[in-house]
């Protein structure tokens, strides 16, 4: 059942609008599968085999509370294995579904002897009912950004999960110097256009009442030079003319120099949205 009424909001349309860039256009990577595949092929070529993001371990600590060793798990969009590797060590059956053939090949190279792990090359939101069997747990973390038909993606999760469906998404706040640049100097900033709250609203529209857990996280950016720091931490400013003094002043409270390197510590969060399938 989908909620209807005179005050109903089309949350899928809002999600789709949020996929557009700041000029109101759909970025080419969102619609060009070949370009997206090239991006991931280039990304994995720069990756050390088996390397994962440090913050992912904290998220998995919470994820695993819903996953027992006897559970079968279906992971959507595993990417370079932040959660795939620990899942493979925990459960007896793991299925990875990804639209990128490069990423699936990479995972197979990292886990050549894990026979209980299988791989499906497909777009999740366009899977046919017959293409994959139900699993106890269906989960995806930071993998929905290209899914235009987002309600179909969520419906597949609800249909294929027999015990629990889980969505993970890293969220804000944005790096604090951008807030300062916006508030003090009036710069236009690439603030996030979509967030975990959209999933709660979409599921509510589908008559699914989901739980939401917020996990505090920390990331420390490291730079070889001050110039690299300033350049990298200016990329979310949309204005064509930026005064470097404004960026440096805004960055100053948040950076630390040690042994010739510069460090920027950023507190942010992850959200785990989960529900018992209907």
Protein backbone atom coordinates (compact mmCIF):
# COMPACT_ATOMS: atom_id res chain seq x y z
CA UNK A 1 0.00 0.00 0.00
CA UNK A 2 1.20 3.52 -0.83
CA UNK A 3 0.01 6.48 1.19
CA UNK A 4 -2.38 8.85 -0.59
CA UNK A 5 -4.03 12.07 0.46
CA UNK A 6 -4.41 15.77 -0.37
CA UNK A 7 -1.22 16.67 1.53
CA UNK A 8 0.85 13.77 0.20
CA UNK A 9 4.34 14.66 -1.06
CA UNK A 10 5.95 12.82 -3.94
CA UNK A 11 9.15 11.83 -2.16
CA UNK A 12 10.48 9.94 -5.17
CA UNK A 13 10.27 13.11 -7.26
CA UNK A 14 12.20 14.97 -4.55
CA UNK A 15 14.85 12.25 -4.58
CA UNK A 16 15.13 12.50 -8.37
CA UNK A 17 15.42 16.27 -8.20
CA UNK A 18 18.22 15.86 -5.69
CA UNK A 19 20.18 13.83 -8.22
CA UNK A 20 20.63 16.92 -10.38
CA UNK A 21 23.63 19.20 -10.10
CA UNK A 22 23.53 22.76 -8.85
CA UNK A 23 22.61 24.01 -12.32
CA UNK A 24 19.55 21.78 -12.52
CA UNK A 25 21.11 19.24 -14.88
CA UNK A 26 21.54 15.52 -14.41
CA UNK A 27 25.29 14.76 -14.16
CA UNK A 28 26.48 12.49 -16.96
CA UNK A 29 27.71 9.85 -14.51
CA UNK A 30 24.15 9.47 -13.24
CA UNK A 31 22.84 8.40 -16.64
CA UNK A 32 25.86 7.09 -18.55
CA UNK A 33 26.61 3.52 -17.44
CA UNK A 34 29.83 3.36 -19.45
CA UNK A 35 31.18 6.52 -17.82
CA UNK A 36 30.28 5.16 -14.39
CA UNK A 37 32.08 1.92 -15.18
CA UNK A 38 35.16 3.88 -16.26
CA UNK A 39 35.09 5.78 -12.97
CA UNK A 40 35.11 2.60 -10.89
CA UNK A 41 37.72 0.91 -13.06
CA UNK A 42 40.02 3.89 -12.53
CA UNK A 43 39.24 4.02 -8.82
CA UNK A 44 40.00 0.38 -8.19
CA UNK A 45 43.26 0.67 -10.16
CA UNK A 46 44.47 3.15 -7.50
CA UNK A 47 43.32 0.98 -4.62
CA UNK A 48 45.58 -1.24 -2.58
CA UNK A 49 44.21 -4.79 -2.64
CA UNK A 50 41.76 -5.22 0.23
CA UNK A 51 41.99 -1.60 1.36
CA UNK A 52 38.85 -0.25 3.05
CA UNK A 53 37.78 3.06 4.57
CA UNK A 54 38.70 3.32 8.28
CA UNK A 55 35.29 4.65 9.36
CA UNK A 56 33.54 1.57 7.91
CA UNK A 57 34.67 -0.61 10.81
CA UNK A 58 32.56 1.43 13.23
CA UNK A 59 29.50 1.11 10.99
CA UNK A 60 29.99 -2.64 10.70
CA UNK A 61 30.07 -2.94 14.49
CA UNK A 62 26.45 -1.84 14.45
CA UNK A 63 25.46 -3.69 11.29
CA UNK A 64 26.60 -7.04 12.64
CA UNK A 65 24.21 -6.78 15.59
CA UNK A 66 21.42 -7.64 13.13
CA UNK A 67 23.35 -10.39 11.35
CA UNK A 68 23.88 -13.90 12.67
CA UNK A 69 26.41 -16.38 11.22
CA UNK A 70 23.61 -18.61 9.94
CA UNK A 71 21.98 -15.75 8.02
CA UNK A 72 22.18 -15.45 4.27
CA UNK A 73 23.07 -11.87 3.30
CA UNK A 74 22.54 -9.99 0.06
CA UNK A 75 24.68 -6.87 -0.27
CA UNK A 76 23.73 -4.16 -2.77
CA UNK A 77 26.54 -2.13 -4.30
CA UNK A 78 29.47 -3.58 -2.33
CA UNK A 79 31.99 -1.27 -3.98
CA UNK A 80 35.52 -2.05 -2.82
CA UNK A 81 34.41 -4.21 0.05
CA UNK A 82 34.05 -1.99 3.13
CA UNK A 83 31.38 -4.36 4.41
CA UNK A 84 31.82 -7.28 2.02
CA UNK A 85 35.06 -8.49 3.57
CA UNK A 86 33.81 -8.59 7.18
CA UNK A 87 30.48 -10.05 6.02
CA UNK A 88 32.29 -12.83 4.18
CA UNK A 89 34.10 -13.69 7.41
CA UNK A 90 30.87 -13.68 9.42
CA UNK A 91 28.14 -15.42 7.40
CA UNK A 92 27.77 -18.71 5.55
CA UNK A 93 26.22 -17.22 2.41
CA UNK A 94 26.84 -13.80 0.86
CA UNK A 95 25.55 -12.51 -2.48
CA UNK A 96 26.96 -9.27 -3.92
CA UNK A 97 24.93 -7.34 -6.50
CA UNK A 98 26.67 -4.46 -8.27
CA UNK A 99 26.20 -2.59 -11.53
CA UNK A 100 29.99 -2.32 -11.94
CA UNK A 101 31.71 -5.34 -13.43
CA UNK A 102 35.09 -3.87 -12.44
CA UNK A 103 34.16 -3.83 -8.77
CA UNK A 104 32.85 -7.39 -8.80
CA UNK A 105 36.05 -8.59 -10.47
CA UNK A 106 38.08 -6.73 -7.85
CA UNK A 107 36.18 -8.39 -5.00
CA UNK A 108 36.69 -11.82 -6.54
CA UNK A 109 40.42 -11.13 -6.80
CA UNK A 110 40.48 -10.15 -3.12
CA UNK A 111 38.55 -13.26 -2.06
CA UNK A 112 39.54 -16.01 -4.50
CA UNK A 113 38.84 -18.87 -2.10
CA UNK A 114 35.57 -17.69 -0.57
CA UNK A 115 33.22 -20.16 -2.23
CA UNK A 116 30.25 -19.07 -0.14
CA UNK A 117 30.35 -15.63 -1.81
CA UNK A 118 28.56 -15.18 -5.14
CA UNK A 119 28.37 -12.21 -7.50
CA UNK A 120 25.56 -10.79 -9.63
CA UNK A 121 26.27 -8.10 -12.23
CA UNK A 122 23.03 -6.10 -12.44
CA UNK A 123 21.33 -2.82 -11.66
CA UNK A 124 19.54 -3.41 -8.40
CA UNK A 125 16.46 -1.30 -9.09
CA UNK A 126 15.86 -3.12 -12.41
CA UNK A 127 16.24 -6.68 -11.18
CA UNK A 128 13.51 -9.02 -12.27
CA UNK A 129 11.83 -11.17 -9.62
CA UNK A 130 13.30 -14.36 -11.02
CA UNK A 131 16.91 -13.14 -11.10
CA UNK A 132 17.70 -13.59 -7.41
CA UNK A 133 16.31 -15.52 -4.48
CA UNK A 134 15.28 -14.10 -1.09
CA UNK A 135 17.93 -13.72 1.63
CA UNK A 136 17.58 -13.32 5.38
CA UNK A 137 19.26 -9.89 5.32
CA UNK A 138 19.35 -7.41 2.45
CA UNK A 139 21.58 -4.40 2.96
CA UNK A 140 23.24 -1.58 1.08
CA UNK A 141 25.51 1.20 2.32
CA UNK A 142 26.16 4.38 0.31
CA UNK A 143 25.08 2.63 -2.87
CA UNK A 144 21.84 4.32 -3.94
CA UNK A 145 23.15 7.56 -5.44
CA UNK A 146 22.49 6.55 -9.11
CA UNK A 147 19.16 4.82 -8.50
CA UNK A 148 16.57 7.01 -10.19
CA UNK A 149 13.75 4.53 -9.62
CA UNK A 150 14.40 4.58 -5.89
CA UNK A 151 11.01 3.21 -4.82
CA UNK A 152 11.55 0.16 -7.01
CA UNK A 153 14.93 -0.28 -5.31
CA UNK A 154 13.33 -0.15 -1.87
CA UNK A 155 10.52 -2.47 -2.94
CA UNK A 156 13.10 -5.03 -4.08
CA UNK A 157 14.76 -4.83 -0.66
CA UNK A 158 11.44 -5.34 1.08
CA UNK A 159 10.55 -8.27 -1.20
CA UNK A 160 13.88 -10.10 -1.01
CA UNK A 161 14.63 -9.70 2.70
CA UNK A 162 12.99 -12.30 4.89
CA UNK A 163 14.25 -11.03 8.27
CA UNK A 164 15.69 -7.50 7.95
CA UNK A 165 16.35 -4.85 5.31
CA UNK A 166 19.07 -2.31 6.14
CA UNK A 167 20.13 0.92 4.44
CA UNK A 168 23.33 2.65 5.53
CA UNK A 169 24.30 6.16 4.57
CA UNK A 170 27.04 8.48 5.76
CA UNK A 171 25.69 11.91 6.53
CA UNK A 172 26.68 15.32 7.87
CA UNK A 173 27.48 17.71 9.07
CA UNK A 174 29.57 19.02 6.20
CA UNK A 175 33.16 20.00 7.04
CA UNK A 176 32.75 22.94 9.43
CA UNK A 177 34.86 25.46 7.53
CA UNK A 178 32.28 25.36 4.72
CA UNK A 179 29.62 26.43 7.21
CA UNK A 180 31.84 29.36 8.15
CA UNK A 181 32.43 30.30 4.51
CA UNK A 182 28.68 30.26 3.94
CA UNK A 183 27.64 32.14 7.08
CA UNK A 184 30.45 34.70 7.36
CA UNK A 185 31.42 35.34 3.74
CA UNK A 186 28.28 34.39 1.85
CA UNK A 187 29.80 31.79 -0.45
CA UNK A 188 27.53 29.34 -2.22
CA UNK A 189 28.41 25.85 -1.01
CA UNK A 190 27.67 22.37 -2.38
CA UNK A 191 25.69 21.30 0.63
CA UNK A 192 24.35 17.72 0.36
CA UNK A 193 21.23 17.50 -1.80
CA UNK A 194 20.06 14.10 -0.52
CA UNK A 195 20.29 12.50 2.90
CA UNK A 196 19.10 9.55 4.95
CA UNK A 197 15.84 11.34 5.83
CA UNK A 198 14.68 10.74 2.25
CA UNK A 199 14.72 7.00 2.89
CA UNK A 200 12.55 7.37 5.98
CA UNK A 201 10.08 9.48 4.01
CA UNK A 202 10.05 7.15 1.01
CA UNK A 203 9.47 4.12 3.21
CA UNK A 204 6.73 5.94 5.11
CA UNK A 205 5.07 6.68 1.78
CA UNK A 206 5.24 2.93 1.13
CA UNK A 207 3.54 2.30 4.49
CA UNK A 208 6.78 1.00 6.04
CA UNK A 209 7.74 2.32 9.46
CA UNK A 210 11.51 2.07 9.62
CA UNK A 211 13.91 2.36 12.53
CA UNK A 212 16.81 4.79 12.35
CA UNK A 213 20.10 4.66 14.26
CA UNK A 214 22.66 7.47 14.12
CA UNK A 215 26.33 6.54 14.54
CA UNK A 216 28.96 9.20 15.36
CA UNK A 217 32.07 8.95 13.19
CA UNK A 218 35.40 10.71 12.71
CA UNK A 219 37.56 11.20 9.66
CA UNK A 220 41.04 12.73 9.62
CA UNK A 221 42.20 14.13 6.29
CA UNK A 222 45.96 14.23 5.77
CA UNK A 223 47.82 16.54 3.36
CA UNK A 224 51.44 16.72 2.29
CA UNK A 225 51.40 20.52 2.05
CA UNK A 226 49.37 23.54 3.14
CA UNK A 227 48.63 24.34 -0.50
CA UNK A 228 47.17 20.88 -1.04
CA UNK A 229 44.98 21.31 2.04
CA UNK A 230 43.59 24.67 0.90
CA UNK A 231 43.00 23.52 -2.67
CA UNK A 232 41.26 20.28 -1.68
CA UNK A 233 39.10 21.91 0.96
CA UNK A 234 37.87 24.57 -1.48
CA UNK A 235 36.21 22.15 -3.91
CA UNK A 236 32.71 22.53 -2.51
CA UNK A 237 32.65 26.29 -3.11
CA UNK A 238 30.49 27.07 -6.16
CA UNK A 239 31.46 30.72 -6.63
CA UNK A 240 33.87 31.39 -9.53
CA UNK A 241 35.81 34.00 -7.56
CA UNK A 242 37.12 32.82 -4.22
CA UNK A 243 39.44 34.77 -1.97
CA UNK A 244 42.05 32.39 -0.58
CA UNK A 245 42.33 34.46 2.60
CA UNK A 246 38.70 33.65 3.36
CA UNK A 247 39.33 29.92 2.93
CA UNK A 248 42.47 30.02 5.07
CA UNK A 249 40.77 31.96 7.84
CA UNK A 250 37.83 29.54 7.85
CA UNK A 251 40.12 26.51 7.92
CA UNK A 252 42.41 27.76 10.68
CA UNK A 253 40.45 26.50 13.73
CA UNK A 254 40.23 22.97 12.32
CA UNK A 255 43.72 22.14 11.07
CA UNK A 256 46.85 20.85 12.79
CA UNK A 257 50.40 20.81 11.46
CA UNK A 258 52.68 17.98 12.56
CA UNK A 259 56.02 16.90 11.11
CA UNK A 260 55.43 18.86 7.93
CA UNK A 261 51.98 17.40 7.23
CA UNK A 262 48.60 19.01 7.73
CA UNK A 263 45.61 17.29 9.31
CA UNK A 264 41.93 18.17 9.26
CA UNK A 265 39.65 16.32 11.70
CA UNK A 266 36.00 16.07 10.72
CA UNK A 267 33.21 14.72 12.91
CA UNK A 268 30.30 13.32 10.92
CA UNK A 269 27.70 10.55 11.21
CA UNK A 270 26.22 7.49 9.59
CA UNK A 271 22.55 6.55 9.61
CA UNK A 272 21.27 2.98 9.59
CA UNK A 273 17.67 2.81 8.39
CA UNK A 274 16.20 -0.66 8.84
CA UNK A 275 12.89 -2.44 8.90
CA UNK A 276 11.26 -5.84 9.19
CA UNK A 277 9.98 -6.76 5.72
CA UNK A 278 6.25 -6.66 5.13
